[in-house]
Amino acid sequence: MEENFIEHKELFEHLGNKQTPHTLFIGCSDSRVVPNLITNTLPGELFVVRNIANIVPHYRLVDEYLATTAAIEYAIYTLGIKNIIVCGHSNCGGCEALYQSDEKLAKTPIVRRWLMIIDDIKKEVLKDKDISPAKRAWVTERLNIINSLQNIMTFPGVIERLKSGELKLFGWHYIIETGEVYNYDDRIKSFKLLEKSIDYDKIYSQIFTDF
């Protein structure tokens, strides 16, 4: 613990006064998903929001407690972040729970309610009557990432910031078994592998806005 502090002493002293993260990372609460390891970033670079299945709800003003929405709102309008990454992952238990029976989810009614946000994805996936469990998981995880990207654009002013270049938006599918990361390319409506054959620093310098 002390060795880590000494190694980053100047960084921690700089961060002691304020935070200036350049990227909002929206990921799953899964213990195998570690944002700073995936992005090769230091403390202070990422503002992190994590929930079951990395879901982003539509922006709305209601009389309830909206933890994910509040955190995203704070990152965009208070911290002025320059990049947003929605990072889903393989073997996502939250996405898999979408297909479990009410009986199996009886002990987790709040989880069941939360997953209702992406119930339309379930309906779309199940249109394929012959889909295998493995393909069902893969397709659900990716459609969920795309859905969260679309919902981020319901936040006030986000579309305008994207058009002006003030903000960049990325959808990642992280493959736990291999460490591969696929980035969603909206132009071709497909996920493309971020090549690992080059240095990670080069990968992220290509993606992140200078900070």
N, C-alpha and C. Protein backbone atom coordinates (compact mmCIF):
# COMPACT_ATOMS: atom_id res chain seq x y z
N MET A 1 0.83 -1.20 0.00
CA MET A 1 0.00 0.00 0.00
C MET A 1 0.87 1.25 0.00
N GLU A 2 1.84 1.32 0.93
CA GLU A 2 2.71 2.50 1.03
C GLU A 2 3.58 2.63 -0.22
N GLU A 3 4.02 1.48 -0.76
CA GLU A 3 4.85 1.52 -1.96
C GLU A 3 4.10 2.15 -3.13
N ASN A 4 2.81 1.81 -3.24
CA ASN A 4 1.99 2.37 -4.31
C ASN A 4 1.85 3.88 -4.17
N PHE A 5 1.70 4.34 -2.93
CA PHE A 5 1.58 5.78 -2.70
C PHE A 5 2.86 6.49 -3.09
N ILE A 6 4.00 5.94 -2.67
CA ILE A 6 5.29 6.55 -2.98
C ILE A 6 5.51 6.62 -4.48
N GLU A 7 5.13 5.54 -5.18
CA GLU A 7 5.31 5.49 -6.62
C GLU A 7 4.53 6.59 -7.33
N HIS A 8 3.34 6.91 -6.81
CA HIS A 8 2.47 7.91 -7.44
C HIS A 8 2.28 9.14 -6.54
N LYS A 9 3.27 9.43 -5.72
CA LYS A 9 3.15 10.50 -4.71
C LYS A 9 2.75 11.83 -5.34
N GLU A 10 3.43 12.23 -6.39
CA GLU A 10 3.14 13.51 -7.01
C GLU A 10 1.73 13.52 -7.61
N LEU A 11 1.32 12.40 -8.19
CA LEU A 11 -0.01 12.30 -8.77
C LEU A 11 -1.08 12.48 -7.70
N PHE A 12 -0.93 11.76 -6.58
CA PHE A 12 -1.93 11.85 -5.51
C PHE A 12 -1.97 13.25 -4.90
N GLU A 13 -0.82 13.88 -4.78
CA GLU A 13 -0.80 15.24 -4.24
C GLU A 13 -1.52 16.20 -5.18
N HIS A 14 -1.35 15.97 -6.48
CA HIS A 14 -2.04 16.81 -7.47
C HIS A 14 -3.54 16.57 -7.42
N LEU A 15 -3.94 15.32 -7.25
CA LEU A 15 -5.36 14.98 -7.24
C LEU A 15 -6.04 15.37 -5.94
N GLY A 16 -5.25 15.70 -4.92
CA GLY A 16 -5.83 15.99 -3.61
C GLY A 16 -6.74 17.20 -3.62
N ASN A 17 -6.51 18.15 -4.53
CA ASN A 17 -7.30 19.38 -4.55
C ASN A 17 -8.57 19.26 -5.38
N LYS A 18 -8.48 18.56 -6.51
CA LYS A 18 -9.65 18.43 -7.37
C LYS A 18 -9.44 17.28 -8.34
N GLN A 19 -10.54 16.85 -8.96
CA GLN A 19 -10.45 15.82 -9.97
C GLN A 19 -10.75 16.42 -11.35
N THR A 20 -9.98 16.00 -12.34
CA THR A 20 -10.20 16.46 -13.71
C THR A 20 -10.14 15.26 -14.67
N PRO A 21 -11.02 14.29 -14.50
CA PRO A 21 -11.00 13.13 -15.39
C PRO A 21 -11.36 13.52 -16.82
N HIS A 22 -10.72 12.85 -17.78
CA HIS A 22 -11.04 13.13 -19.17
C HIS A 22 -12.11 12.21 -19.73
N THR A 23 -12.40 11.09 -19.02
CA THR A 23 -13.30 10.08 -19.57
C THR A 23 -14.27 9.55 -18.52
N LEU A 24 -15.52 9.43 -18.93
CA LEU A 24 -16.54 8.75 -18.13
C LEU A 24 -16.59 7.30 -18.59
N PHE A 25 -16.37 6.38 -17.67
CA PHE A 25 -16.40 4.95 -17.97
C PHE A 25 -17.64 4.36 -17.33
N ILE A 26 -18.55 3.87 -18.15
CA ILE A 26 -19.79 3.25 -17.66
C ILE A 26 -19.66 1.75 -17.87
N GLY A 27 -19.53 1.01 -16.78
CA GLY A 27 -19.28 -0.42 -16.89
C GLY A 27 -20.18 -1.23 -15.99
N CYS A 28 -20.03 -2.53 -16.11
CA CYS A 28 -20.80 -3.46 -15.29
C CYS A 28 -20.15 -3.60 -13.90
N SER A 29 -20.96 -3.94 -12.92
CA SER A 29 -20.44 -4.14 -11.56
C SER A 29 -19.66 -5.44 -11.41
N ASP A 30 -19.63 -6.25 -12.44
CA ASP A 30 -18.93 -7.53 -12.41
C ASP A 30 -17.49 -7.36 -11.90
N SER A 31 -17.09 -8.21 -10.95
CA SER A 31 -15.78 -8.10 -10.32
C SER A 31 -14.62 -8.33 -11.27
N ARG A 32 -14.89 -8.93 -12.43
CA ARG A 32 -13.84 -9.20 -13.41
C ARG A 32 -13.59 -8.02 -14.34
N VAL A 33 -14.42 -7.00 -14.23
CA VAL A 33 -14.28 -5.81 -15.07
C VAL A 33 -13.60 -4.72 -14.25
N VAL A 34 -12.36 -4.41 -14.58
CA VAL A 34 -11.57 -3.43 -13.83
C VAL A 34 -11.24 -2.26 -14.76
N PRO A 35 -11.95 -1.15 -14.65
CA PRO A 35 -11.82 -0.06 -15.62
C PRO A 35 -10.39 0.41 -15.88
N ASN A 36 -9.60 0.65 -14.83
CA ASN A 36 -8.26 1.17 -15.04
C ASN A 36 -7.33 0.17 -15.72
N LEU A 37 -7.57 -1.12 -15.48
CA LEU A 37 -6.77 -2.14 -16.16
C LEU A 37 -7.16 -2.23 -17.64
N ILE A 38 -8.45 -2.17 -17.91
CA ILE A 38 -8.92 -2.27 -19.30
C ILE A 38 -8.42 -1.08 -20.12
N THR A 39 -8.42 0.10 -19.53
CA THR A 39 -8.06 1.32 -20.26
C THR A 39 -6.61 1.75 -20.06
N ASN A 40 -5.88 1.04 -19.20
CA ASN A 40 -4.48 1.38 -18.94
C ASN A 40 -4.34 2.84 -18.48
N THR A 41 -5.20 3.23 -17.52
CA THR A 41 -5.20 4.60 -17.03
C THR A 41 -4.83 4.66 -15.56
N LEU A 42 -4.43 5.85 -15.12
CA LEU A 42 -4.03 6.10 -13.74
C LEU A 42 -5.19 6.68 -12.94
N PRO A 43 -5.08 6.69 -11.60
CA PRO A 43 -6.10 7.36 -10.78
C PRO A 43 -6.26 8.82 -11.23
N GLY A 44 -7.50 9.26 -11.30
CA GLY A 44 -7.78 10.64 -11.69
C GLY A 44 -8.15 10.80 -13.16
N GLU A 45 -7.94 9.76 -13.97
CA GLU A 45 -8.23 9.89 -15.39
C GLU A 45 -9.67 9.48 -15.74
N LEU A 46 -10.22 8.56 -14.96
CA LEU A 46 -11.56 8.06 -15.25
C LEU A 46 -12.55 8.46 -14.15
N PHE A 47 -13.75 8.84 -14.57
CA PHE A 47 -14.88 8.95 -13.66
C PHE A 47 -15.73 7.73 -13.95
N VAL A 48 -15.96 6.89 -12.95
CA VAL A 48 -16.51 5.56 -13.19
C VAL A 48 -17.93 5.42 -12.64
N VAL A 49 -18.81 4.90 -13.49
CA VAL A 49 -20.17 4.53 -13.09
C VAL A 49 -20.32 3.05 -13.36
N ARG A 50 -20.73 2.28 -12.35
CA ARG A 50 -20.91 0.84 -12.54
C ARG A 50 -22.27 0.41 -12.01
N ASN A 51 -22.92 -0.46 -12.76
CA ASN A 51 -24.18 -1.03 -12.31
C ASN A 51 -24.35 -2.41 -12.95
N ILE A 52 -25.41 -3.09 -12.62
CA ILE A 52 -25.65 -4.40 -13.20
C ILE A 52 -25.94 -4.26 -14.70
N ALA A 53 -25.08 -4.90 -15.50
CA ALA A 53 -25.22 -4.96 -16.96
C ALA A 53 -24.94 -3.64 -17.67
N ASN A 54 -24.20 -2.75 -17.04
CA ASN A 54 -23.80 -1.47 -17.67
C ASN A 54 -24.95 -0.79 -18.44
N ILE A 55 -26.08 -0.69 -17.78
CA ILE A 55 -27.28 -0.12 -18.41
C ILE A 55 -27.33 1.40 -18.20
N VAL A 56 -27.63 2.12 -19.26
CA VAL A 56 -27.89 3.55 -19.17
C VAL A 56 -29.37 3.78 -19.48
N PRO A 57 -30.14 4.24 -18.50
CA PRO A 57 -31.56 4.53 -18.77
C PRO A 57 -31.71 5.83 -19.55
N HIS A 58 -32.90 6.04 -20.11
CA HIS A 58 -33.21 7.32 -20.72
C HIS A 58 -33.08 8.42 -19.66
N TYR A 59 -32.68 9.61 -20.09
CA TYR A 59 -32.66 10.75 -19.18
C TYR A 59 -34.08 11.16 -18.86
N ARG A 60 -34.38 11.36 -17.59
CA ARG A 60 -35.71 11.80 -17.20
C ARG A 60 -35.65 12.46 -15.84
N LEU A 61 -36.62 13.33 -15.56
CA LEU A 61 -36.74 14.00 -14.28
C LEU A 61 -37.97 13.45 -13.57
N VAL A 62 -37.75 12.66 -12.53
CA VAL A 62 -38.85 12.03 -11.81
C VAL A 62 -38.57 12.06 -10.31
N ASP A 63 -39.59 11.78 -9.52
CA ASP A 63 -39.44 11.78 -8.06
C ASP A 63 -38.97 10.41 -7.56
N GLU A 64 -37.77 10.04 -7.96
CA GLU A 64 -37.16 8.83 -7.45
C GLU A 64 -35.64 9.03 -7.45
N TYR A 65 -34.94 8.09 -6.89
CA TYR A 65 -33.48 8.21 -6.79
C TYR A 65 -32.84 7.57 -8.01
N LEU A 66 -32.08 8.36 -8.76
CA LEU A 66 -31.52 7.92 -10.04
C LEU A 66 -29.99 7.96 -9.97
N ALA A 67 -29.40 6.94 -9.40
CA ALA A 67 -27.95 6.95 -9.16
C ALA A 67 -27.15 7.00 -10.46
N THR A 68 -27.46 6.12 -11.40
CA THR A 68 -26.70 6.10 -12.65
C THR A 68 -26.88 7.38 -13.43
N THR A 69 -28.12 7.83 -13.56
CA THR A 69 -28.41 9.06 -14.29
C THR A 69 -27.73 10.26 -13.64
N ALA A 70 -27.76 10.31 -12.31
CA ALA A 70 -27.13 11.41 -11.59
C ALA A 70 -25.62 11.45 -11.82
N ALA A 71 -24.99 10.29 -11.80
CA ALA A 71 -23.54 10.22 -11.99
C ALA A 71 -23.14 10.64 -13.40
N ILE A 72 -23.91 10.20 -14.40
CA ILE A 72 -23.63 10.60 -15.78
C ILE A 72 -23.84 12.09 -15.95
N GLU A 73 -24.92 12.60 -15.39
CA GLU A 73 -25.21 14.03 -15.44
C GLU A 73 -24.07 14.85 -14.83
N TYR A 74 -23.58 14.40 -13.69
CA TYR A 74 -22.49 15.10 -13.00
C TYR A 74 -21.22 15.09 -13.85
N ALA A 75 -20.92 13.95 -14.44
CA ALA A 75 -19.71 13.83 -15.25
C ALA A 75 -19.73 14.76 -16.45
N ILE A 76 -20.89 14.84 -17.10
CA ILE A 76 -20.99 15.64 -18.32
C ILE A 76 -21.01 17.13 -18.02
N TYR A 77 -21.86 17.54 -17.07
CA TYR A 77 -22.14 18.96 -16.89
C TYR A 77 -21.31 19.62 -15.79
N THR A 78 -20.81 18.85 -14.84
CA THR A 78 -19.98 19.44 -13.78
C THR A 78 -18.50 19.21 -14.05
N LEU A 79 -18.14 17.98 -14.38
CA LEU A 79 -16.73 17.67 -14.62
C LEU A 79 -16.29 18.01 -16.04
N GLY A 80 -17.25 18.09 -16.96
CA GLY A 80 -16.90 18.44 -18.34
C GLY A 80 -16.05 17.40 -19.04
N ILE A 81 -16.34 16.13 -18.81
CA ILE A 81 -15.54 15.07 -19.42
C ILE A 81 -15.61 15.17 -20.96
N LYS A 82 -14.56 14.64 -21.61
CA LYS A 82 -14.43 14.74 -23.05
C LYS A 82 -14.80 13.46 -23.78
N ASN A 83 -14.80 12.33 -23.05
CA ASN A 83 -15.09 11.03 -23.66
C ASN A 83 -16.03 10.25 -22.76
N ILE A 84 -16.89 9.46 -23.39
CA ILE A 84 -17.74 8.53 -22.65
C ILE A 84 -17.55 7.13 -23.25
N ILE A 85 -17.24 6.18 -22.39
CA ILE A 85 -17.12 4.78 -22.82
C ILE A 85 -18.21 3.97 -22.11
N VAL A 86 -19.03 3.30 -22.88
CA VAL A 86 -19.94 2.29 -22.33
C VAL A 86 -19.27 0.95 -22.57
N CYS A 87 -18.92 0.26 -21.50
CA CYS A 87 -18.17 -0.99 -21.63
C CYS A 87 -18.98 -2.18 -21.12
N GLY A 88 -19.47 -2.99 -22.06
CA GLY A 88 -20.08 -4.25 -21.71
C GLY A 88 -19.02 -5.34 -21.73
N HIS A 89 -19.40 -6.55 -21.41
CA HIS A 89 -18.39 -7.62 -21.37
C HIS A 89 -19.00 -8.98 -21.66
N SER A 90 -18.16 -9.94 -21.96
CA SER A 90 -18.60 -11.31 -22.22
C SER A 90 -19.05 -11.97 -20.93
N ASN A 91 -19.89 -12.99 -21.07
CA ASN A 91 -20.39 -13.74 -19.92
C ASN A 91 -21.00 -12.83 -18.85
N CYS A 92 -21.79 -11.87 -19.30
CA CYS A 92 -22.41 -10.90 -18.38
C CYS A 92 -23.60 -11.54 -17.66
N GLY A 93 -23.48 -11.65 -16.35
CA GLY A 93 -24.55 -12.25 -15.56
C GLY A 93 -25.82 -11.45 -15.59
N GLY A 94 -25.70 -10.12 -15.68
CA GLY A 94 -26.88 -9.28 -15.74
C GLY A 94 -27.66 -9.51 -17.01
N CYS A 95 -26.96 -9.57 -18.14
CA CYS A 95 -27.63 -9.84 -19.42
C CYS A 95 -28.24 -11.23 -19.42
N GLU A 96 -27.56 -12.19 -18.82
CA GLU A 96 -28.09 -13.56 -18.76
C GLU A 96 -29.34 -13.62 -17.90
N ALA A 97 -29.36 -12.82 -16.81
CA ALA A 97 -30.52 -12.82 -15.91
C ALA A 97 -31.77 -12.32 -16.60
N LEU A 98 -31.60 -11.59 -17.69
CA LEU A 98 -32.73 -11.09 -18.45
C LEU A 98 -33.63 -12.24 -18.92
N TYR A 99 -33.05 -13.42 -19.09
CA TYR A 99 -33.79 -14.57 -19.61
C TYR A 99 -34.21 -15.56 -18.52
N GLN A 100 -33.93 -15.23 -17.27
CA GLN A 100 -34.31 -16.12 -16.18
C GLN A 100 -35.78 -15.94 -15.83
N SER A 101 -36.36 -16.96 -15.25
CA SER A 101 -37.77 -16.93 -14.88
C SER A 101 -38.00 -16.03 -13.67
N ASP A 102 -39.25 -15.64 -13.48
CA ASP A 102 -39.59 -14.83 -12.30
C ASP A 102 -39.27 -15.57 -11.01
N GLU A 103 -39.40 -16.90 -11.05
CA GLU A 103 -39.09 -17.71 -9.86
C GLU A 103 -37.62 -17.58 -9.47
N LYS A 104 -36.74 -17.63 -10.47
CA LYS A 104 -35.30 -17.52 -10.19
C LYS A 104 -34.92 -16.14 -9.69
N LEU A 105 -35.70 -15.14 -10.11
CA LEU A 105 -35.40 -13.76 -9.71
C LEU A 105 -36.23 -13.30 -8.51
N ALA A 106 -36.91 -14.23 -7.88
CA ALA A 106 -37.83 -13.87 -6.79
C ALA A 106 -37.11 -13.20 -5.63
N LYS A 107 -35.87 -13.59 -5.38
CA LYS A 107 -35.12 -13.01 -4.25
C LYS A 107 -34.45 -11.68 -4.61
N THR A 108 -34.50 -11.33 -5.88
CA THR A 108 -33.87 -10.06 -6.32
C THR A 108 -34.86 -9.24 -7.13
N PRO A 109 -35.95 -8.80 -6.50
CA PRO A 109 -36.98 -8.05 -7.24
C PRO A 109 -36.50 -6.72 -7.80
N ILE A 110 -35.54 -6.10 -7.12
CA ILE A 110 -35.03 -4.81 -7.62
C ILE A 110 -34.18 -5.04 -8.86
N VAL A 111 -33.41 -6.13 -8.87
CA VAL A 111 -32.64 -6.49 -10.07
C VAL A 111 -33.60 -6.76 -11.23
N ARG A 112 -34.64 -7.52 -10.95
CA ARG A 112 -35.63 -7.82 -12.00
C ARG A 112 -36.22 -6.54 -12.57
N ARG A 113 -36.55 -5.60 -11.69
CA ARG A 113 -37.11 -4.33 -12.13
C ARG A 113 -36.10 -3.55 -12.97
N TRP A 114 -34.85 -3.55 -12.55
CA TRP A 114 -33.78 -2.85 -13.26
C TRP A 114 -33.62 -3.40 -14.67
N LEU A 115 -33.67 -4.70 -14.82
CA LEU A 115 -33.48 -5.33 -16.13
C LEU A 115 -34.65 -5.08 -17.07
N MET A 116 -35.77 -4.64 -16.54
CA MET A 116 -36.91 -4.32 -17.40
C MET A 116 -36.58 -3.17 -18.35
N ILE A 117 -35.55 -2.38 -18.01
CA ILE A 117 -35.12 -1.28 -18.87
C ILE A 117 -34.71 -1.81 -20.24
N ILE A 118 -34.15 -3.03 -20.27
CA ILE A 118 -33.68 -3.58 -21.54
C ILE A 118 -34.55 -4.76 -22.01
N ASP A 119 -35.79 -4.77 -21.58
CA ASP A 119 -36.68 -5.87 -21.96
C ASP A 119 -36.92 -5.93 -23.47
N ASP A 120 -36.86 -4.78 -24.14
CA ASP A 120 -37.05 -4.76 -25.59
C ASP A 120 -35.93 -5.53 -26.30
N ILE A 121 -34.73 -5.52 -25.70
CA ILE A 121 -33.62 -6.28 -26.28
C ILE A 121 -33.93 -7.77 -26.22
N LYS A 122 -34.46 -8.21 -25.11
CA LYS A 122 -34.84 -9.61 -24.95
C LYS A 122 -35.84 -10.01 -26.03
N LYS A 123 -36.83 -9.17 -26.25
CA LYS A 123 -37.86 -9.47 -27.26
C LYS A 123 -37.25 -9.56 -28.64
N GLU A 124 -36.30 -8.68 -28.93
CA GLU A 124 -35.66 -8.68 -30.24
C GLU A 124 -34.82 -9.94 -30.43
N VAL A 125 -34.05 -10.31 -29.42
CA VAL A 125 -33.18 -11.48 -29.52
C VAL A 125 -33.99 -12.76 -29.69
N LEU A 126 -35.10 -12.85 -28.97
CA LEU A 126 -35.91 -14.08 -29.00
C LEU A 126 -36.75 -14.23 -30.26
N LYS A 127 -36.65 -13.26 -31.16
CA LYS A 127 -37.30 -13.43 -32.46
C LYS A 127 -36.64 -14.57 -33.23
N ASP A 128 -35.36 -14.81 -32.91
CA ASP A 128 -34.65 -15.94 -33.50
C ASP A 128 -34.94 -17.17 -32.64
N LYS A 129 -35.85 -18.00 -33.08
CA LYS A 129 -36.30 -19.14 -32.29
C LYS A 129 -35.22 -20.21 -32.12
N ASP A 130 -34.23 -20.22 -33.01
CA ASP A 130 -33.19 -21.25 -32.97
C ASP A 130 -31.87 -20.77 -32.40
N ILE A 131 -31.87 -19.60 -31.78
CA ILE A 131 -30.61 -19.04 -31.29
C ILE A 131 -30.04 -19.88 -30.16
N SER A 132 -28.73 -20.11 -30.19
CA SER A 132 -28.06 -20.90 -29.15
C SER A 132 -27.82 -20.02 -27.93
N PRO A 133 -27.62 -20.62 -26.74
CA PRO A 133 -27.35 -19.82 -25.54
C PRO A 133 -26.11 -18.94 -25.69
N ALA A 134 -25.06 -19.46 -26.33
CA ALA A 134 -23.84 -18.67 -26.48
C ALA A 134 -24.07 -17.46 -27.39
N LYS A 135 -24.75 -17.68 -28.51
CA LYS A 135 -25.03 -16.57 -29.42
C LYS A 135 -25.99 -15.58 -28.78
N ARG A 136 -26.96 -16.10 -28.04
CA ARG A 136 -27.93 -15.23 -27.35
C ARG A 136 -27.21 -14.29 -26.40
N ALA A 137 -26.25 -14.81 -25.65
CA ALA A 137 -25.49 -13.98 -24.71
C ALA A 137 -24.70 -12.91 -25.46
N TRP A 138 -24.00 -13.32 -26.50
CA TRP A 138 -23.16 -12.41 -27.29
C TRP A 138 -23.99 -11.28 -27.90
N VAL A 139 -25.11 -11.63 -28.53
CA VAL A 139 -25.95 -10.64 -29.18
C VAL A 139 -26.58 -9.71 -28.16
N THR A 140 -27.03 -10.25 -27.02
CA THR A 140 -27.65 -9.43 -25.98
C THR A 140 -26.66 -8.42 -25.42
N GLU A 141 -25.44 -8.86 -25.15
CA GLU A 141 -24.42 -7.96 -24.61
C GLU A 141 -24.14 -6.81 -25.55
N ARG A 142 -24.09 -7.11 -26.84
CA ARG A 142 -23.77 -6.06 -27.81
C ARG A 142 -24.96 -5.12 -28.06
N LEU A 143 -26.16 -5.67 -28.14
CA LEU A 143 -27.34 -4.81 -28.29
C LEU A 143 -27.52 -3.92 -27.06
N ASN A 144 -27.17 -4.44 -25.90
CA ASN A 144 -27.27 -3.66 -24.67
C ASN A 144 -26.30 -2.47 -24.70
N ILE A 145 -25.11 -2.68 -25.22
CA ILE A 145 -24.14 -1.58 -25.34
C ILE A 145 -24.68 -0.52 -26.28
N ILE A 146 -25.20 -0.94 -27.42
CA ILE A 146 -25.74 0.01 -28.40
C ILE A 146 -26.93 0.77 -27.81
N ASN A 147 -27.78 0.07 -27.06
CA ASN A 147 -28.93 0.71 -26.43
C ASN A 147 -28.49 1.77 -25.42
N SER A 148 -27.45 1.47 -24.66
CA SER A 148 -26.94 2.45 -23.69
C SER A 148 -26.35 3.67 -24.39
N LEU A 149 -25.66 3.45 -25.51
CA LEU A 149 -25.14 4.57 -26.29
C LEU A 149 -26.28 5.47 -26.76
N GLN A 150 -27.34 4.86 -27.23
CA GLN A 150 -28.50 5.63 -27.71
C GLN A 150 -29.15 6.41 -26.56
N ASN A 151 -29.20 5.80 -25.38
CA ASN A 151 -29.83 6.48 -24.24
C ASN A 151 -28.98 7.64 -23.72
N ILE A 152 -27.68 7.55 -23.85
CA ILE A 152 -26.82 8.68 -23.46
C ILE A 152 -27.18 9.91 -24.29
N MET A 153 -27.56 9.69 -25.52
CA MET A 153 -27.88 10.82 -26.40
C MET A 153 -29.21 11.48 -26.06
N THR A 154 -29.94 10.92 -25.08
CA THR A 154 -31.16 11.59 -24.60
C THR A 154 -30.84 12.62 -23.51
N PHE A 155 -29.60 12.64 -23.03
CA PHE A 155 -29.21 13.63 -22.03
C PHE A 155 -29.12 15.00 -22.71
N PRO A 156 -29.59 16.05 -22.04
CA PRO A 156 -29.63 17.38 -22.66
C PRO A 156 -28.27 17.82 -23.19
N GLY A 157 -28.24 18.26 -24.43
CA GLY A 157 -27.03 18.84 -25.01
C GLY A 157 -26.00 17.85 -25.50
N VAL A 158 -26.19 16.56 -25.28
CA VAL A 158 -25.18 15.58 -25.66
C VAL A 158 -25.02 15.50 -27.18
N ILE A 159 -26.12 15.46 -27.90
CA ILE A 159 -26.03 15.37 -29.37
C ILE A 159 -25.28 16.58 -29.93
N GLU A 160 -25.55 17.76 -29.38
CA GLU A 160 -24.87 18.97 -29.84
C GLU A 160 -23.38 18.89 -29.56
N ARG A 161 -23.01 18.36 -28.39
CA ARG A 161 -21.59 18.24 -28.06
C ARG A 161 -20.88 17.22 -28.93
N LEU A 162 -21.60 16.16 -29.29
CA LEU A 162 -21.02 15.16 -30.18
C LEU A 162 -20.78 15.77 -31.56
N LYS A 163 -21.73 16.53 -32.05
CA LYS A 163 -21.60 17.15 -33.37
C LYS A 163 -20.48 18.17 -33.42
N SER A 164 -20.29 18.89 -32.33
CA SER A 164 -19.24 19.92 -32.29
C SER A 164 -17.86 19.36 -32.02
N GLY A 165 -17.80 18.09 -31.60
CA GLY A 165 -16.51 17.49 -31.29
C GLY A 165 -16.06 17.69 -29.86
N GLU A 166 -16.91 18.34 -29.05
CA GLU A 166 -16.57 18.54 -27.64
C GLU A 166 -16.59 17.22 -26.86
N LEU A 167 -17.36 16.27 -27.36
CA LEU A 167 -17.55 15.00 -26.67
C LEU A 167 -17.42 13.85 -27.66
N LYS A 168 -16.80 12.76 -27.21
CA LYS A 168 -16.70 11.54 -28.02
C LYS A 168 -17.34 10.39 -27.26
N LEU A 169 -18.01 9.52 -28.01
CA LEU A 169 -18.77 8.44 -27.41
C LEU A 169 -18.32 7.10 -27.98
N PHE A 170 -18.03 6.13 -27.08
CA PHE A 170 -17.53 4.83 -27.50
C PHE A 170 -18.33 3.71 -26.84
N GLY A 171 -18.54 2.64 -27.58
CA GLY A 171 -19.17 1.44 -27.04
C GLY A 171 -18.21 0.28 -27.15
N TRP A 172 -17.81 -0.28 -26.01
CA TRP A 172 -16.82 -1.35 -26.00
C TRP A 172 -17.43 -2.66 -25.53
N HIS A 173 -17.01 -3.75 -26.15
CA HIS A 173 -17.35 -5.09 -25.71
C HIS A 173 -16.05 -5.76 -25.29
N TYR A 174 -15.87 -5.91 -23.99
CA TYR A 174 -14.65 -6.46 -23.41
C TYR A 174 -14.79 -7.97 -23.26
N ILE A 175 -13.86 -8.72 -23.83
CA ILE A 175 -13.89 -10.17 -23.78
C ILE A 175 -13.01 -10.63 -22.63
N ILE A 176 -13.63 -11.05 -21.55
CA ILE A 176 -12.90 -11.39 -20.33
C ILE A 176 -11.87 -12.48 -20.57
N GLU A 177 -12.23 -13.49 -21.35
CA GLU A 177 -11.36 -14.65 -21.53
C GLU A 177 -10.06 -14.31 -22.25
N THR A 178 -10.07 -13.31 -23.11
CA THR A 178 -8.89 -13.00 -23.92
C THR A 178 -8.30 -11.62 -23.67
N GLY A 179 -9.09 -10.75 -23.04
CA GLY A 179 -8.64 -9.37 -22.85
C GLY A 179 -8.87 -8.50 -24.08
N GLU A 180 -9.50 -9.05 -25.12
CA GLU A 180 -9.77 -8.27 -26.33
C GLU A 180 -10.87 -7.24 -26.06
N VAL A 181 -10.79 -6.14 -26.79
CA VAL A 181 -11.81 -5.10 -26.71
C VAL A 181 -12.30 -4.80 -28.12
N TYR A 182 -13.61 -4.88 -28.32
CA TYR A 182 -14.22 -4.53 -29.59
C TYR A 182 -14.93 -3.18 -29.44
N ASN A 183 -14.68 -2.28 -30.37
CA ASN A 183 -15.27 -0.95 -30.33
C ASN A 183 -16.39 -0.84 -31.38
N TYR A 184 -17.54 -0.29 -30.96
CA TYR A 184 -18.67 -0.16 -31.88
C TYR A 184 -18.44 0.99 -32.85
N ASP A 185 -18.54 0.67 -34.14
CA ASP A 185 -18.39 1.66 -35.20
C ASP A 185 -19.79 1.97 -35.74
N ASP A 186 -20.30 3.14 -35.41
CA ASP A 186 -21.66 3.50 -35.79
C ASP A 186 -21.82 3.66 -37.29
N ARG A 187 -20.72 3.95 -37.99
CA ARG A 187 -20.79 4.14 -39.44
C ARG A 187 -21.15 2.86 -40.16
N ILE A 188 -20.62 1.73 -39.66
CA ILE A 188 -20.90 0.44 -40.31
C ILE A 188 -21.79 -0.44 -39.46
N LYS A 189 -22.25 0.10 -38.31
CA LYS A 189 -23.15 -0.62 -37.40
C LYS A 189 -22.56 -1.98 -37.00
N SER A 190 -21.29 -1.96 -36.61
CA SER A 190 -20.62 -3.21 -36.26
C SER A 190 -19.51 -2.94 -35.25
N PHE A 191 -19.11 -4.00 -34.52
CA PHE A 191 -18.02 -3.90 -33.56
C PHE A 191 -16.71 -4.32 -34.23
N LYS A 192 -15.67 -3.51 -34.03
CA LYS A 192 -14.36 -3.78 -34.62
C LYS A 192 -13.33 -4.00 -33.51
N LEU A 193 -12.49 -4.99 -33.70
CA LEU A 193 -11.46 -5.32 -32.71
C LEU A 193 -10.42 -4.21 -32.63
N LEU A 194 -10.13 -3.76 -31.39
CA LEU A 194 -9.01 -2.87 -31.18
C LEU A 194 -7.75 -3.73 -31.14
N GLU A 195 -6.87 -3.53 -32.07
CA GLU A 195 -5.71 -4.41 -32.21
C GLU A 195 -4.83 -4.37 -30.97
N LYS A 196 -4.49 -5.55 -30.46
CA LYS A 196 -3.60 -5.64 -29.30
C LYS A 196 -2.15 -5.81 -29.71
N SER A 197 -1.90 -5.86 -31.02
CA SER A 197 -0.54 -6.06 -31.47
C SER A 197 0.32 -4.82 -31.29
N ILE A 198 -0.35 -3.68 -31.06
CA ILE A 198 0.40 -2.46 -30.81
C ILE A 198 0.32 -2.11 -29.33
N ASP A 199 1.15 -1.20 -28.92
CA ASP A 199 1.23 -0.79 -27.52
C ASP A 199 -0.11 -0.20 -27.07
N TYR A 200 -0.54 -0.54 -25.83
CA TYR A 200 -1.79 -0.02 -25.30
C TYR A 200 -1.81 1.51 -25.31
N ASP A 201 -0.66 2.13 -25.03
CA ASP A 201 -0.62 3.59 -25.03
C ASP A 201 -1.04 4.13 -26.38
N LYS A 202 -0.64 3.46 -27.46
CA LYS A 202 -1.01 3.90 -28.79
C LYS A 202 -2.51 3.70 -29.03
N ILE A 203 -3.04 2.59 -28.53
CA ILE A 203 -4.47 2.33 -28.69
C ILE A 203 -5.28 3.47 -28.10
N TYR A 204 -4.97 3.82 -26.86
CA TYR A 204 -5.80 4.80 -26.18
C TYR A 204 -5.50 6.23 -26.61
N SER A 205 -4.29 6.47 -27.12
CA SER A 205 -4.02 7.80 -27.66
C SER A 205 -4.81 8.01 -28.94
N GLN A 206 -5.13 6.93 -29.64
CA GLN A 206 -5.96 7.01 -30.84
C GLN A 206 -7.42 7.28 -30.49
N ILE A 207 -7.82 6.88 -29.31
CA ILE A 207 -9.24 6.96 -28.94
C ILE A 207 -9.54 8.19 -28.10
N PHE A 208 -8.75 8.42 -27.05
CA PHE A 208 -9.05 9.49 -26.12
C PHE A 208 -8.65 10.86 -26.68
N THR A 209 -9.46 11.84 -26.37
CA THR A 209 -9.10 13.21 -26.66
C THR A 209 -7.90 13.58 -25.78
N ASP A 210 -7.02 14.41 -26.30
CA ASP A 210 -5.88 14.88 -25.49
C ASP A 210 -6.40 15.57 -24.23
N PHE A 211 -5.69 15.38 -23.14
CA PHE A 211 -6.15 15.97 -21.89
C PHE A 211 -4.97 16.58 -21.15
